[in-house]
Amino acid sequence: MKTFHKMTVISVTVCALTVLSGCSNMSRRDKNTAVGAGVGAVAGAILTGGSGIGTAGGAAVGGVIGHQIGR
């Protein structure tokens, strides 16, 4: 079981680093949109008890708000 846990942690770390490296050439507005979508998705999931529609709706609203910030 410990080997499975180690492999899971390593896999998640590699995936996170790969995803974050893709953000290096994004504009400030693009970064705000991505952060807004992420925060909105988490908030939507929390408020609706993990509903997929709530999570997607939260991501959409958060992305729009993040896009409009700093305009």
N, C-alpha and C. Protein backbone atom coordinates (compact mmCIF):
# COMPACT_ATOMS: atom_id res chain seq x y z
N MET A 1 0.82 -1.19 0.00
CA MET A 1 0.00 0.00 0.00
C MET A 1 0.86 1.26 0.00
N LYS A 2 2.02 1.21 0.67
CA LYS A 2 2.88 2.38 0.70
C LYS A 2 3.42 2.72 -0.69
N THR A 3 3.69 1.70 -1.49
CA THR A 3 4.18 1.93 -2.84
C THR A 3 3.12 2.64 -3.68
N PHE A 4 1.87 2.22 -3.53
CA PHE A 4 0.77 2.86 -4.26
C PHE A 4 0.64 4.33 -3.84
N HIS A 5 0.76 4.60 -2.56
CA HIS A 5 0.66 5.97 -2.06
C HIS A 5 1.81 6.84 -2.61
N LYS A 6 3.02 6.30 -2.61
CA LYS A 6 4.16 7.04 -3.15
C LYS A 6 3.97 7.35 -4.63
N MET A 7 3.51 6.37 -5.38
CA MET A 7 3.30 6.58 -6.82
C MET A 7 2.21 7.61 -7.06
N THR A 8 1.18 7.62 -6.24
CA THR A 8 0.11 8.61 -6.37
C THR A 8 0.64 10.00 -6.11
N VAL A 9 1.42 10.17 -5.05
CA VAL A 9 1.98 11.48 -4.72
C VAL A 9 2.91 11.95 -5.83
N ILE A 10 3.74 11.08 -6.34
CA ILE A 10 4.67 11.45 -7.42
C ILE A 10 3.89 11.83 -8.68
N SER A 11 2.87 11.07 -9.01
CA SER A 11 2.07 11.36 -10.20
C SER A 11 1.35 12.70 -10.10
N VAL A 12 0.77 12.97 -8.94
CA VAL A 12 0.08 14.25 -8.74
C VAL A 12 1.07 15.41 -8.81
N THR A 13 2.24 15.24 -8.25
CA THR A 13 3.26 16.30 -8.28
C THR A 13 3.71 16.58 -9.71
N VAL A 14 3.96 15.54 -10.47
CA VAL A 14 4.39 15.72 -11.86
C VAL A 14 3.29 16.41 -12.68
N CYS A 15 2.06 15.99 -12.49
CA CYS A 15 0.95 16.61 -13.22
C CYS A 15 0.80 18.08 -12.84
N ALA A 16 0.91 18.39 -11.57
CA ALA A 16 0.78 19.78 -11.12
C ALA A 16 1.89 20.65 -11.72
N LEU A 17 3.11 20.15 -11.73
CA LEU A 17 4.21 20.92 -12.30
C LEU A 17 4.04 21.11 -13.80
N THR A 18 3.54 20.12 -14.48
CA THR A 18 3.30 20.22 -15.92
C THR A 18 2.24 21.27 -16.22
N VAL A 19 1.17 21.24 -15.46
CA VAL A 19 0.09 22.21 -15.67
C VAL A 19 0.57 23.63 -15.35
N LEU A 20 1.31 23.80 -14.26
CA LEU A 20 1.78 25.13 -13.89
C LEU A 20 2.80 25.68 -14.87
N SER A 21 3.58 24.83 -15.51
CA SER A 21 4.56 25.33 -16.48
C SER A 21 3.87 25.89 -17.72
N GLY A 22 2.66 25.47 -17.98
CA GLY A 22 1.91 26.00 -19.12
C GLY A 22 1.42 27.42 -18.91
N CYS A 23 1.49 27.91 -17.68
CA CYS A 23 1.00 29.26 -17.36
C CYS A 23 2.09 30.31 -17.48
N SER A 24 3.29 29.95 -17.87
CA SER A 24 4.40 30.89 -17.84
C SER A 24 4.28 32.01 -18.86
N ASN A 25 3.62 31.77 -19.99
CA ASN A 25 3.53 32.81 -21.00
C ASN A 25 2.12 33.39 -21.12
N MET A 26 1.33 33.24 -20.08
CA MET A 26 -0.03 33.78 -20.09
C MET A 26 0.00 35.26 -19.71
N SER A 27 -0.93 36.01 -20.27
CA SER A 27 -1.04 37.42 -19.88
C SER A 27 -1.67 37.51 -18.49
N ARG A 28 -1.61 38.68 -17.91
CA ARG A 28 -2.17 38.89 -16.58
C ARG A 28 -3.68 38.60 -16.58
N ARG A 29 -4.36 39.01 -17.62
CA ARG A 29 -5.81 38.78 -17.72
C ARG A 29 -6.11 37.29 -17.82
N ASP A 30 -5.30 36.55 -18.58
CA ASP A 30 -5.49 35.10 -18.70
C ASP A 30 -5.29 34.42 -17.34
N LYS A 31 -4.27 34.85 -16.60
CA LYS A 31 -4.03 34.28 -15.27
C LYS A 31 -5.18 34.58 -14.34
N ASN A 32 -5.71 35.82 -14.38
CA ASN A 32 -6.85 36.17 -13.54
C ASN A 32 -8.07 35.31 -13.88
N THR A 33 -8.28 35.05 -15.16
CA THR A 33 -9.39 34.21 -15.59
C THR A 33 -9.23 32.79 -15.06
N ALA A 34 -8.03 32.24 -15.17
CA ALA A 34 -7.79 30.88 -14.69
C ALA A 34 -7.95 30.77 -13.18
N VAL A 35 -7.43 31.74 -12.45
CA VAL A 35 -7.57 31.72 -10.99
C VAL A 35 -9.03 31.87 -10.60
N GLY A 36 -9.74 32.78 -11.26
CA GLY A 36 -11.15 32.97 -10.98
C GLY A 36 -11.96 31.72 -11.23
N ALA A 37 -11.65 31.02 -12.31
CA ALA A 37 -12.36 29.79 -12.63
C ALA A 37 -12.07 28.71 -11.58
N GLY A 38 -10.84 28.62 -11.15
CA GLY A 38 -10.49 27.64 -10.12
C GLY A 38 -11.17 27.90 -8.80
N VAL A 39 -11.12 29.15 -8.36
CA VAL A 39 -11.76 29.52 -7.10
C VAL A 39 -13.28 29.36 -7.21
N GLY A 40 -13.83 29.74 -8.34
CA GLY A 40 -15.27 29.59 -8.54
C GLY A 40 -15.70 28.14 -8.55
N ALA A 41 -14.89 27.27 -9.14
CA ALA A 41 -15.22 25.84 -9.15
C ALA A 41 -15.22 25.26 -7.75
N VAL A 42 -14.23 25.63 -6.96
CA VAL A 42 -14.17 25.14 -5.58
C VAL A 42 -15.36 25.67 -4.79
N ALA A 43 -15.65 26.96 -4.92
CA ALA A 43 -16.77 27.55 -4.20
C ALA A 43 -18.09 26.93 -4.63
N GLY A 44 -18.26 26.71 -5.92
CA GLY A 44 -19.48 26.08 -6.42
C GLY A 44 -19.65 24.67 -5.91
N ALA A 45 -18.56 23.94 -5.83
CA ALA A 45 -18.62 22.57 -5.32
C ALA A 45 -18.97 22.55 -3.84
N ILE A 46 -18.41 23.48 -3.09
CA ILE A 46 -18.69 23.55 -1.66
C ILE A 46 -20.14 23.94 -1.42
N LEU A 47 -20.61 24.95 -2.12
CA LEU A 47 -21.96 25.45 -1.89
C LEU A 47 -23.04 24.47 -2.31
N THR A 48 -22.76 23.64 -3.31
CA THR A 48 -23.78 22.71 -3.79
C THR A 48 -23.53 21.27 -3.35
N GLY A 49 -22.60 21.07 -2.46
CA GLY A 49 -22.34 19.73 -1.96
C GLY A 49 -21.68 18.81 -2.96
N GLY A 50 -20.90 19.34 -3.88
CA GLY A 50 -20.18 18.52 -4.85
C GLY A 50 -20.93 18.27 -6.14
N SER A 51 -22.00 18.99 -6.38
CA SER A 51 -22.77 18.83 -7.62
C SER A 51 -21.93 19.25 -8.82
N GLY A 52 -22.00 18.47 -9.88
CA GLY A 52 -21.24 18.80 -11.09
C GLY A 52 -21.72 20.09 -11.73
N ILE A 53 -23.02 20.30 -11.71
CA ILE A 53 -23.57 21.53 -12.29
C ILE A 53 -23.15 22.75 -11.46
N GLY A 54 -23.16 22.60 -10.14
CA GLY A 54 -22.72 23.70 -9.28
C GLY A 54 -21.25 24.02 -9.46
N THR A 55 -20.45 22.98 -9.64
CA THR A 55 -19.02 23.19 -9.85
C THR A 55 -18.76 23.88 -11.18
N ALA A 56 -19.42 23.42 -12.24
CA ALA A 56 -19.25 24.03 -13.55
C ALA A 56 -19.79 25.46 -13.56
N GLY A 57 -20.92 25.69 -12.92
CA GLY A 57 -21.47 27.04 -12.84
C GLY A 57 -20.56 27.97 -12.07
N GLY A 58 -20.00 27.49 -10.97
CA GLY A 58 -19.06 28.30 -10.19
C GLY A 58 -17.81 28.63 -10.98
N ALA A 59 -17.32 27.66 -11.77
CA ALA A 59 -16.14 27.91 -12.60
C ALA A 59 -16.43 28.95 -13.66
N ALA A 60 -17.60 28.87 -14.26
CA ALA A 60 -17.97 29.84 -15.30
C ALA A 60 -18.09 31.24 -14.73
N VAL A 61 -18.80 31.36 -13.61
CA VAL A 61 -18.97 32.68 -13.00
C VAL A 61 -17.63 33.21 -12.51
N GLY A 62 -16.83 32.36 -11.88
CA GLY A 62 -15.51 32.79 -11.40
C GLY A 62 -14.60 33.20 -12.54
N GLY A 63 -14.66 32.49 -13.65
CA GLY A 63 -13.83 32.86 -14.81
C GLY A 63 -14.22 34.21 -15.38
N VAL A 64 -15.51 34.49 -15.44
CA VAL A 64 -15.97 35.79 -15.94
C VAL A 64 -15.52 36.90 -14.99
N ILE A 65 -15.68 36.69 -13.71
CA ILE A 65 -15.28 37.71 -12.73
C ILE A 65 -13.76 37.92 -12.80
N GLY A 66 -12.99 36.82 -12.87
CA GLY A 66 -11.55 36.95 -12.97
C GLY A 66 -11.12 37.68 -14.23
N HIS A 67 -11.83 37.46 -15.32
CA HIS A 67 -11.52 38.13 -16.59
C HIS A 67 -11.79 39.64 -16.50
N GLN A 68 -12.81 40.02 -15.76
CA GLN A 68 -13.19 41.42 -15.69
C GLN A 68 -12.36 42.23 -14.68
N ILE A 69 -11.70 41.54 -13.75
CA ILE A 69 -10.90 42.24 -12.74
C ILE A 69 -9.69 42.90 -13.42
N GLY A 70 -9.41 44.10 -13.04
CA GLY A 70 -8.26 44.81 -13.56
C GLY A 70 -8.46 45.41 -14.93
N ARG A 71 -9.68 45.51 -15.34
CA ARG A 71 -9.97 46.05 -16.64
C ARG A 71 -9.78 47.53 -16.70
